[in-house]
Amino acid sequence: MKAVPTGWRKSTHSGQQVSCVEVGSVGSGAAVRDSKNLEAGYFTTTSRQWRLFVGALKAGRFER
């Protein structure tokens, strides 16, 4: 049986915007979805993948 994500939340940087990315907890990892298209579903990552991704964001690796 597939675990169902819980505790969906969005970044505080999103403010009152409707269109944003939301993150939820699933098993020992994270689930990610597009808040403006919930029907599209979500993808999951392991906790290690999520930690590395967030670390790269904070380090500015995706800045233009």
C-alpha atoms as a PDB file:
ATOM      1  CA  MET A   1       0.000   0.000   0.000  1.00  0.00           C
ATOM      2  CA  LYS A   2       1.332   3.435  -0.962  1.00  0.00           C
ATOM      3  CA  ALA A   3       1.782   5.927   1.893  1.00  0.00           C
ATOM      4  CA  VAL A   4      -0.393   9.032   1.678  1.00  0.00           C
ATOM      5  CA  PRO A   5       1.385  12.369   2.161  1.00  0.00           C
ATOM      6  CA  THR A   6       0.352  14.420   5.194  1.00  0.00           C
ATOM      7  CA  GLY A   7       0.994  17.904   6.526  1.00  0.00           C
ATOM      8  CA  TRP A   8       1.094  19.735   3.198  1.00  0.00           C
ATOM      9  CA  ARG A   9       2.679  23.193   3.542  1.00  0.00           C
ATOM     10  CA  LYS A  10       4.032  25.935   1.313  1.00  0.00           C
ATOM     11  CA  SER A  11       7.014  28.206   1.656  1.00  0.00           C
ATOM     12  CA  THR A  12       6.591  31.373   3.679  1.00  0.00           C
ATOM     13  CA  HIS A  13       8.175  33.094   0.644  1.00  0.00           C
ATOM     14  CA  SER A  14       4.937  32.360  -1.248  1.00  0.00           C
ATOM     15  CA  GLY A  15       2.961  34.805   0.908  1.00  0.00           C
ATOM     16  CA  GLN A  16      -0.675  34.872  -0.164  1.00  0.00           C
ATOM     17  CA  GLN A  17       0.014  33.586  -3.685  1.00  0.00           C
ATOM     18  CA  VAL A  18      -2.222  30.759  -4.848  1.00  0.00           C
ATOM     19  CA  SER A  19       0.270  29.249  -7.295  1.00  0.00           C
ATOM     20  CA  CYS A  20       3.118  27.629  -5.452  1.00  0.00           C
ATOM     21  CA  VAL A  21       4.846  24.378  -4.676  1.00  0.00           C
ATOM     22  CA  GLU A  22       3.700  22.487  -1.587  1.00  0.00           C
ATOM     23  CA  VAL A  23       5.646  19.899   0.408  1.00  0.00           C
ATOM     24  CA  GLY A  24       4.238  17.117   2.545  1.00  0.00           C
ATOM     25  CA  SER A  25       5.631  14.285   4.639  1.00  0.00           C
ATOM     26  CA  VAL A  26       5.504  10.742   3.301  1.00  0.00           C
ATOM     27  CA  GLY A  27       7.183   7.821   5.001  1.00  0.00           C
ATOM     28  CA  SER A  28      10.784   8.831   5.603  1.00  0.00           C
ATOM     29  CA  GLY A  29      10.840  11.396   2.798  1.00  0.00           C
ATOM     30  CA  ALA A  30       8.940  14.246   1.186  1.00  0.00           C
ATOM     31  CA  ALA A  31       6.147  14.626  -1.345  1.00  0.00           C
ATOM     32  CA  VAL A  32       6.013  17.650  -3.673  1.00  0.00           C
ATOM     33  CA  ARG A  33       3.032  18.994  -5.629  1.00  0.00           C
ATOM     34  CA  ASP A  34       1.847  22.026  -7.582  1.00  0.00           C
ATOM     35  CA  SER A  35      -0.881  23.813  -5.606  1.00  0.00           C
ATOM     36  CA  LYS A  36      -2.606  25.112  -8.742  1.00  0.00           C
ATOM     37  CA  ASN A  37      -2.908  21.626 -10.272  1.00  0.00           C
ATOM     38  CA  LEU A  38      -3.579  19.106  -7.499  1.00  0.00           C
ATOM     39  CA  GLU A  39      -5.085  16.665 -10.016  1.00  0.00           C
ATOM     40  CA  ALA A  40      -1.598  16.197 -11.489  1.00  0.00           C
ATOM     41  CA  GLY A  41      -0.579  14.386  -8.318  1.00  0.00           C
ATOM     42  CA  TYR A  42       2.778  14.582  -6.594  1.00  0.00           C
ATOM     43  CA  PHE A  43       6.252  13.073  -6.662  1.00  0.00           C
ATOM     44  CA  THR A  44       8.188  11.724  -3.723  1.00  0.00           C
ATOM     45  CA  THR A  45      11.807  11.836  -2.646  1.00  0.00           C
ATOM     46  CA  THR A  46      13.819  10.120   0.032  1.00  0.00           C
ATOM     47  CA  SER A  47      14.779  12.171   3.060  1.00  0.00           C
ATOM     48  CA  ARG A  48      18.393  12.258   1.810  1.00  0.00           C
ATOM     49  CA  GLN A  49      17.373  13.533  -1.648  1.00  0.00           C
ATOM     50  CA  TRP A  50      15.172  16.199  -0.079  1.00  0.00           C
ATOM     51  CA  ARG A  51      17.905  17.307   2.340  1.00  0.00           C
ATOM     52  CA  LEU A  52      20.427  17.632  -0.527  1.00  0.00           C
ATOM     53  CA  PHE A  53      17.933  19.565  -2.670  1.00  0.00           C
ATOM     54  CA  VAL A  54      17.067  22.022   0.108  1.00  0.00           C
ATOM     55  CA  GLY A  55      20.767  22.454   0.888  1.00  0.00           C
ATOM     56  CA  ALA A  56      21.458  23.281  -2.763  1.00  0.00           C
ATOM     57  CA  LEU A  57      18.617  25.831  -2.767  1.00  0.00           C
ATOM     58  CA  LYS A  58      19.963  27.523   0.354  1.00  0.00           C
ATOM     59  CA  ALA A  59      23.468  27.582  -1.152  1.00  0.00           C
ATOM     60  CA  GLY A  60      22.130  29.426  -4.218  1.00  0.00           C
ATOM     61  CA  ARG A  61      22.972  26.674  -6.716  1.00  0.00           C
ATOM     62  CA  PHE A  62      19.799  27.389  -8.701  1.00  0.00           C
ATOM     63  CA  GLU A  63      20.134  31.181  -8.828  1.00  0.00           C
ATOM     64  CA  ARG A  64      20.118  32.791 -12.243  1.00  0.00           C
END
